[in-house]
């Protein structure tokens, strides 16, 4: 049963951790493939508000499954309550950055509101670090950042997910606003990317156990960057799905499959077992922050623009996302290279 699978996953040795995370990434990729397609169908048939109602039963089923199959961890009950102020500052910091990016198109980059939001984010984030250095149950376990794989891995994770999430939203909007696809067609149009990512992720996880994650992360992000550059310079305004979009989508998917799960695994590769949950949560937070900031940047850049004349704005997003991904690839070179097994 699923409960037994969960128990086996918990006691997997560290040498098999990449394989396990690869399976997890494949499952997530399949969900990512179905989400836009189903969401587009719901929007076209029932309206956009139904997308949120559609998630209610899914969340309920997930909660029931977690209650049924996941086992409670025997944590330290004497550790004390988490830093509530640190949690609040973290949320406001990310929200301020997202606000500034999303509203930059309407307010303007030099507007005091945009500047205030974009400056407040880093200042509040610094406050979180300050609190974490002094609180007994901090938001961030700063000691983990002394591990090279953890600090570099999370930075790569953040940068890559900014570029990745910006690409996803930009792709959907381009297909619907420039190529004139319906919401359903746009959702199905991006499906090959996550499907190919899911297939590659399983094999990438197993390969990482043998040759190390860095050997797959750097080529993966590089392939992802190349696909972004192709869209920016070669996609065109006339619909050409099978000859242009589909090959780029497969490149995206392959790059994401090589990168996504291996970044998660390398971030916790040197973490002690007792701190694995905290390290995984930090890694998930870095990924989530990226998926907030990327779409916020797209919203601020694209806004309500549509039609062939807006194609240059979409090209701009792809180019900037490619630049961020290139920085992530260069940063990934700093990851430690483990001994071959």
Protein backbone atom coordinates (compact mmCIF):
# COMPACT_ATOMS: atom_id res chain seq x y z
CA UNK A 1 0.00 0.00 0.00
CA UNK A 2 0.93 3.67 -0.14
CA UNK A 3 1.71 3.59 3.55
CA UNK A 4 4.36 0.93 2.98
CA UNK A 5 5.83 2.93 0.11
CA UNK A 6 6.08 5.95 2.38
CA UNK A 7 7.85 3.93 5.09
CA UNK A 8 10.35 2.55 2.58
CA UNK A 9 11.00 6.05 1.27
CA UNK A 10 11.79 7.37 4.75
CA UNK A 11 14.43 4.69 5.40
CA UNK A 12 16.02 4.82 1.95
CA UNK A 13 19.80 5.23 2.29
CA UNK A 14 21.32 8.52 1.18
CA UNK A 15 22.91 6.74 -1.80
CA UNK A 16 19.40 6.15 -3.20
CA UNK A 17 17.98 9.55 -2.30
CA UNK A 18 18.26 10.96 -5.83
CA UNK A 19 16.31 8.02 -7.25
CA UNK A 20 13.49 8.51 -4.76
CA UNK A 21 13.34 12.26 -5.42
CA UNK A 22 13.37 11.49 -9.14
CA UNK A 23 10.16 9.50 -8.77
CA UNK A 24 8.68 12.34 -6.73
CA UNK A 25 9.59 14.78 -9.48
CA UNK A 26 8.05 12.56 -12.13
CA UNK A 27 4.76 12.49 -10.25
CA UNK A 28 4.85 16.28 -9.96
CA UNK A 29 5.56 16.59 -13.66
CA UNK A 30 2.56 14.47 -14.57
CA UNK A 31 0.41 16.73 -12.37
CA UNK A 32 1.92 19.79 -14.04
CA UNK A 33 1.05 18.31 -17.42
CA UNK A 34 -2.59 17.77 -16.52
CA UNK A 35 -3.13 21.01 -14.62
CA UNK A 36 -2.95 23.55 -17.48
CA UNK A 37 -4.93 21.32 -19.83
CA UNK A 38 -7.72 20.67 -17.31
CA UNK A 39 -7.63 24.30 -16.14
CA UNK A 40 -7.98 25.58 -19.69
CA UNK A 41 -10.91 23.26 -20.30
CA UNK A 42 -12.61 24.43 -17.10
CA UNK A 43 -12.09 28.10 -18.02
CA UNK A 44 -13.50 27.64 -21.52
CA UNK A 45 -16.56 25.67 -20.38
CA UNK A 46 -17.43 26.85 -16.85
CA UNK A 47 -15.52 30.10 -16.35
CA UNK A 48 -12.31 31.04 -14.53
CA UNK A 49 -13.86 31.09 -11.05
CA UNK A 50 -14.51 27.37 -11.29
CA UNK A 51 -10.76 26.73 -11.35
CA UNK A 52 -10.68 27.60 -7.66
CA UNK A 53 -13.76 25.52 -6.82
CA UNK A 54 -12.21 22.61 -8.69
CA UNK A 55 -9.32 22.59 -6.22
CA UNK A 56 -11.53 22.26 -3.12
CA UNK A 57 -12.28 18.51 -3.48
CA UNK A 58 -8.68 17.86 -4.54
CA UNK A 59 -7.41 19.50 -1.36
CA UNK A 60 -9.91 17.52 0.71
CA UNK A 61 -8.77 14.24 -0.85
CA UNK A 62 -5.14 15.16 -0.26
CA UNK A 63 -5.85 15.94 3.39
CA UNK A 64 -7.65 12.62 3.86
CA UNK A 65 -4.83 10.71 2.16
CA UNK A 66 -2.27 12.38 4.40
CA UNK A 67 -4.30 11.49 7.48
CA UNK A 68 -4.56 7.89 6.29
CA UNK A 69 -1.04 7.11 5.10
CA UNK A 70 1.48 9.55 6.54
CA UNK A 71 2.89 8.83 9.96
CA UNK A 72 3.52 11.53 12.54
CA UNK A 73 7.15 12.25 13.27
CA UNK A 74 8.32 12.08 16.86
CA UNK A 75 9.75 15.57 17.04
CA UNK A 76 11.17 17.40 20.03
CA UNK A 77 8.13 18.71 21.89
CA UNK A 78 10.40 20.88 24.06
CA UNK A 79 11.80 22.86 21.14
CA UNK A 80 9.26 25.63 21.63
CA UNK A 81 6.99 27.51 19.25
CA UNK A 82 8.33 28.61 15.85
CA UNK A 83 9.28 32.25 15.38
CA UNK A 84 5.91 33.81 14.52
CA UNK A 85 7.40 37.22 13.79
CA UNK A 86 9.99 35.66 11.49
CA UNK A 87 7.26 33.82 9.62
CA UNK A 88 5.29 37.04 9.23
CA UNK A 89 8.34 38.98 8.01
CA UNK A 90 9.10 36.22 5.51
CA UNK A 91 5.62 36.38 4.03
CA UNK A 92 5.62 40.17 3.83
CA UNK A 93 9.09 40.21 2.24
CA UNK A 94 8.06 37.88 -0.57
CA UNK A 95 4.74 39.68 -0.95
CA UNK A 96 6.48 43.06 -1.25
CA UNK A 97 8.80 41.81 -3.99
CA UNK A 98 5.90 40.22 -5.86
CA UNK A 99 3.85 43.41 -5.54
CA UNK A 100 6.63 45.56 -6.90
CA UNK A 101 7.26 43.25 -9.86
CA UNK A 102 3.59 42.74 -10.70
CA UNK A 103 2.69 46.43 -10.50
CA UNK A 104 5.80 47.74 -12.24
CA UNK A 105 3.96 47.85 -15.54
CA UNK A 106 1.13 49.99 -14.17
CA UNK A 107 3.08 52.08 -11.68
CA UNK A 108 6.38 52.33 -13.56
CA UNK A 109 9.79 51.22 -12.33
CA UNK A 110 10.67 54.67 -10.97
CA UNK A 111 7.37 55.17 -9.13
CA UNK A 112 7.82 55.48 -5.36
CA UNK A 113 5.42 52.60 -4.74
CA UNK A 114 7.40 50.24 -6.94
CA UNK A 115 10.70 51.34 -5.41
CA UNK A 116 9.30 51.03 -1.87
CA UNK A 117 8.01 47.51 -2.52
CA UNK A 118 11.21 46.29 -4.18
CA UNK A 119 13.40 47.79 -1.45
CA UNK A 120 11.19 46.58 1.40
CA UNK A 121 11.51 42.96 0.30
CA UNK A 122 15.29 42.62 0.78
CA UNK A 123 15.20 44.74 3.96
CA UNK A 124 12.56 42.49 5.52
CA UNK A 125 14.44 39.40 4.33
CA UNK A 126 17.52 40.72 6.14
CA UNK A 127 15.34 41.05 9.22
CA UNK A 128 14.40 37.38 8.90
CA UNK A 129 18.08 36.42 8.82
CA UNK A 130 18.74 38.62 11.86
CA UNK A 131 15.87 36.99 13.76
CA UNK A 132 16.97 33.51 12.69
CA UNK A 133 20.43 34.07 14.17
CA UNK A 134 18.90 34.74 17.60
CA UNK A 135 15.63 32.83 17.90
CA UNK A 136 15.66 29.33 19.45
CA UNK A 137 13.27 28.01 16.76
CA UNK A 138 14.15 30.15 13.75
CA UNK A 139 12.52 30.34 10.33
CA UNK A 140 15.91 29.57 8.76
CA UNK A 141 18.44 27.20 10.28
CA UNK A 142 21.50 29.28 9.42
CA UNK A 143 23.86 26.47 10.39
CA UNK A 144 22.67 24.50 7.36
CA UNK A 145 23.93 27.24 5.04
CA UNK A 146 27.48 26.36 6.05
CA UNK A 147 27.02 23.26 3.90
CA UNK A 148 28.13 24.13 0.38
CA UNK A 149 25.64 21.80 -1.28
CA UNK A 150 22.78 23.28 0.75
CA UNK A 151 23.55 26.97 0.20
CA UNK A 152 24.49 26.69 -3.49
CA UNK A 153 21.71 24.18 -4.20
CA UNK A 154 19.02 26.43 -2.76
CA UNK A 155 20.34 29.45 -4.66
CA UNK A 156 20.22 27.47 -7.91
CA UNK A 157 16.76 26.25 -6.96
CA UNK A 158 15.51 29.79 -6.42
CA UNK A 159 16.99 31.18 -9.64
CA UNK A 160 15.89 28.26 -11.79
CA UNK A 161 12.32 28.38 -10.52
CA UNK A 162 12.07 32.12 -11.19
CA UNK A 163 12.98 31.43 -14.82
CA UNK A 164 10.89 28.26 -15.02
CA UNK A 165 7.68 29.74 -13.59
CA UNK A 166 8.05 32.87 -15.71
CA UNK A 167 8.42 30.68 -18.79
CA UNK A 168 5.29 28.64 -18.00
CA UNK A 169 3.01 31.67 -17.64
CA UNK A 170 4.63 33.45 -20.57
CA UNK A 171 4.14 30.39 -22.78
CA UNK A 172 0.45 30.07 -21.98
CA UNK A 173 -0.19 33.78 -22.52
CA UNK A 174 1.76 33.75 -25.79
CA UNK A 175 -0.21 30.84 -27.20
CA UNK A 176 -3.54 32.43 -26.28
CA UNK A 177 -2.82 36.12 -26.92
CA UNK A 178 -0.42 36.07 -29.87
CA UNK A 179 -1.17 32.81 -31.63
CA UNK A 180 -4.87 33.05 -30.77
CA UNK A 181 -5.26 29.63 -29.12
CA UNK A 182 -8.23 28.99 -26.85
CA UNK A 183 -7.52 28.45 -23.15
CA UNK A 184 -8.01 24.72 -23.62
CA UNK A 185 -5.71 24.56 -26.64
CA UNK A 186 -3.06 26.64 -24.83
CA UNK A 187 -3.22 24.29 -21.84
CA UNK A 188 -2.78 21.22 -24.01
CA UNK A 189 -0.14 23.07 -26.03
CA UNK A 190 2.32 23.20 -23.12
CA UNK A 191 1.59 19.62 -21.99
CA UNK A 192 4.54 17.98 -23.83
CA UNK A 193 7.03 19.87 -21.64
CA UNK A 194 6.00 18.49 -18.23
CA UNK A 195 5.32 15.04 -19.68
CA UNK A 196 8.82 14.79 -21.11
CA UNK A 197 10.17 16.22 -17.85
CA UNK A 198 8.46 13.43 -15.93
CA UNK A 199 9.97 10.74 -18.12
CA UNK A 200 13.45 12.22 -17.92
CA UNK A 201 13.26 12.85 -14.15
CA UNK A 202 13.09 9.16 -13.25
CA UNK A 203 16.20 8.28 -15.25
CA UNK A 204 17.96 11.47 -14.16
CA UNK A 205 17.47 10.56 -10.50
CA UNK A 206 19.00 7.14 -11.03
CA UNK A 207 21.88 8.57 -13.03
CA UNK A 208 22.56 11.16 -10.32
CA UNK A 209 23.09 8.34 -7.81
CA UNK A 210 25.97 7.15 -10.00
CA UNK A 211 27.60 10.28 -11.44
CA UNK A 212 26.42 13.03 -9.10
CA UNK A 213 23.69 15.68 -9.55
CA UNK A 214 25.96 18.45 -10.83
CA UNK A 215 26.79 16.46 -13.96
CA UNK A 216 23.09 16.57 -14.86
CA UNK A 217 22.01 19.95 -13.45
CA UNK A 218 24.42 22.07 -15.52
CA UNK A 219 23.53 20.46 -18.89
CA UNK A 220 19.85 20.50 -17.92
CA UNK A 221 19.74 24.23 -17.19
CA UNK A 222 21.85 24.90 -20.29
CA UNK A 223 19.37 23.03 -22.48
CA UNK A 224 16.51 24.91 -20.81
CA UNK A 225 18.28 28.22 -21.51
CA UNK A 226 18.83 27.30 -25.15
CA UNK A 227 15.11 26.58 -25.58
CA UNK A 228 14.26 29.98 -24.08
CA UNK A 229 16.60 31.70 -26.53
CA UNK A 230 15.01 29.81 -29.41
CA UNK A 231 11.56 31.05 -28.41
CA UNK A 232 12.84 34.60 -28.02
CA UNK A 233 14.51 34.72 -31.45
CA UNK A 234 12.86 32.06 -33.57
CA UNK A 235 9.27 31.31 -32.61
CA UNK A 236 7.59 33.95 -34.79
CA UNK A 237 4.08 35.37 -34.67
CA UNK A 238 2.52 32.89 -37.10
CA UNK A 239 1.32 29.64 -35.45
CA UNK A 240 3.72 26.80 -36.19
CA UNK A 241 3.23 24.30 -33.41
CA UNK A 242 4.77 21.07 -34.69
CA UNK A 243 7.78 22.53 -36.46
CA UNK A 244 8.76 25.18 -33.89
CA UNK A 245 6.88 25.01 -30.61
CA UNK A 246 6.88 21.23 -30.11
CA UNK A 247 10.68 20.80 -30.49
CA UNK A 248 11.26 23.67 -28.07
CA UNK A 249 8.78 22.12 -25.63
CA UNK A 250 10.71 18.84 -25.66
CA UNK A 251 13.93 20.75 -24.97
CA UNK A 252 12.25 22.52 -22.07
CA UNK A 253 10.97 19.26 -20.67
CA UNK A 254 14.29 17.47 -20.96
CA UNK A 255 16.12 20.35 -19.30
CA UNK A 256 13.60 20.55 -16.48
CA UNK A 257 13.67 16.78 -15.99
CA UNK A 258 17.46 16.80 -15.65
CA UNK A 259 17.41 19.78 -13.30
CA UNK A 260 14.33 19.93 -11.11
CA UNK A 261 14.63 16.82 -8.96
CA UNK A 262 18.43 16.82 -8.89
CA UNK A 263 18.51 20.37 -7.50
CA UNK A 264 16.22 19.21 -4.71
CA UNK A 265 18.33 16.14 -3.98
CA UNK A 266 21.70 17.90 -4.02
CA UNK A 267 20.36 20.58 -1.65
CA UNK A 268 19.87 17.97 1.07
CA UNK A 269 22.64 15.57 0.08
CA UNK A 270 24.96 16.52 2.98
CA UNK A 271 22.23 17.25 5.51
CA UNK A 272 22.21 15.11 8.65
CA UNK A 273 19.20 12.82 8.93
CA UNK A 274 17.94 14.70 11.99
CA UNK A 275 17.76 17.95 9.98
CA UNK A 276 16.49 16.49 6.73
CA UNK A 277 12.93 17.73 7.24
CA UNK A 278 14.08 21.31 7.93
CA UNK A 279 16.42 21.23 4.95
CA UNK A 280 13.69 19.90 2.66
CA UNK A 281 11.29 22.58 3.89
CA UNK A 282 13.85 25.30 3.16
CA UNK A 283 14.38 23.86 -0.30
CA UNK A 284 10.63 23.87 -0.88
CA UNK A 285 10.43 27.47 0.30
CA UNK A 286 13.15 28.52 -2.16
CA UNK A 287 11.24 26.80 -4.96
CA UNK A 288 7.96 28.43 -3.92
CA UNK A 289 9.50 31.90 -3.74
CA UNK A 290 10.76 31.42 -7.29
CA UNK A 291 7.30 30.41 -8.48
CA UNK A 292 5.88 33.60 -6.95
CA UNK A 293 8.45 36.05 -8.32
CA UNK A 294 8.55 34.61 -11.86
CA UNK A 295 4.84 35.07 -12.67
CA UNK A 296 4.84 38.45 -10.90
CA UNK A 297 7.53 39.62 -13.30
CA UNK A 298 5.52 38.33 -16.28
CA UNK A 299 2.39 40.15 -15.10
CA UNK A 300 4.32 43.39 -14.71
CA UNK A 301 5.89 43.04 -18.15
CA UNK A 302 2.99 41.68 -20.23
CA UNK A 303 0.00 43.14 -18.43
CA UNK A 304 -3.09 42.99 -20.63
CA UNK A 305 -1.12 43.22 -23.89
CA UNK A 306 -2.29 40.94 -26.69
CA UNK A 307 -2.09 40.57 -30.43
CA UNK A 308 0.83 40.25 -32.80
CA UNK A 309 2.09 43.72 -31.90
CA UNK A 310 2.73 42.53 -28.31
CA UNK A 311 5.13 39.75 -29.36
CA UNK A 312 8.18 41.85 -28.41
CA UNK A 313 7.05 41.85 -24.76
CA UNK A 314 6.92 38.05 -24.69
CA UNK A 315 10.36 37.93 -26.30
CA UNK A 316 11.61 40.22 -23.54
CA UNK A 317 10.35 37.85 -20.84
CA UNK A 318 11.98 34.84 -22.53
CA UNK A 319 15.28 36.72 -22.83
CA UNK A 320 15.34 37.81 -19.19
CA UNK A 321 14.32 34.31 -18.08
CA UNK A 322 17.18 32.93 -20.20
CA UNK A 323 19.58 35.31 -18.48
CA UNK A 324 18.41 34.20 -15.03
CA UNK A 325 18.68 30.55 -16.06
CA UNK A 326 22.20 31.14 -17.36
CA UNK A 327 23.18 32.58 -13.97
CA UNK A 328 21.66 29.49 -12.33
CA UNK A 329 23.73 27.23 -14.60
CA UNK A 330 26.92 29.13 -13.79
CA UNK A 331 26.11 28.95 -10.07
CA UNK A 332 25.53 25.20 -10.35
CA UNK A 333 29.21 24.78 -11.31
CA UNK A 334 29.99 25.67 -7.69
CA UNK A 335 28.15 22.60 -6.42
CA UNK A 336 30.45 19.99 -4.89
CA UNK A 337 31.30 17.07 -7.13
CA UNK A 338 30.75 13.88 -5.14
CA UNK A 339 32.89 10.80 -5.56
CA UNK A 340 31.55 8.49 -8.26
CA UNK A 341 29.74 5.39 -7.03
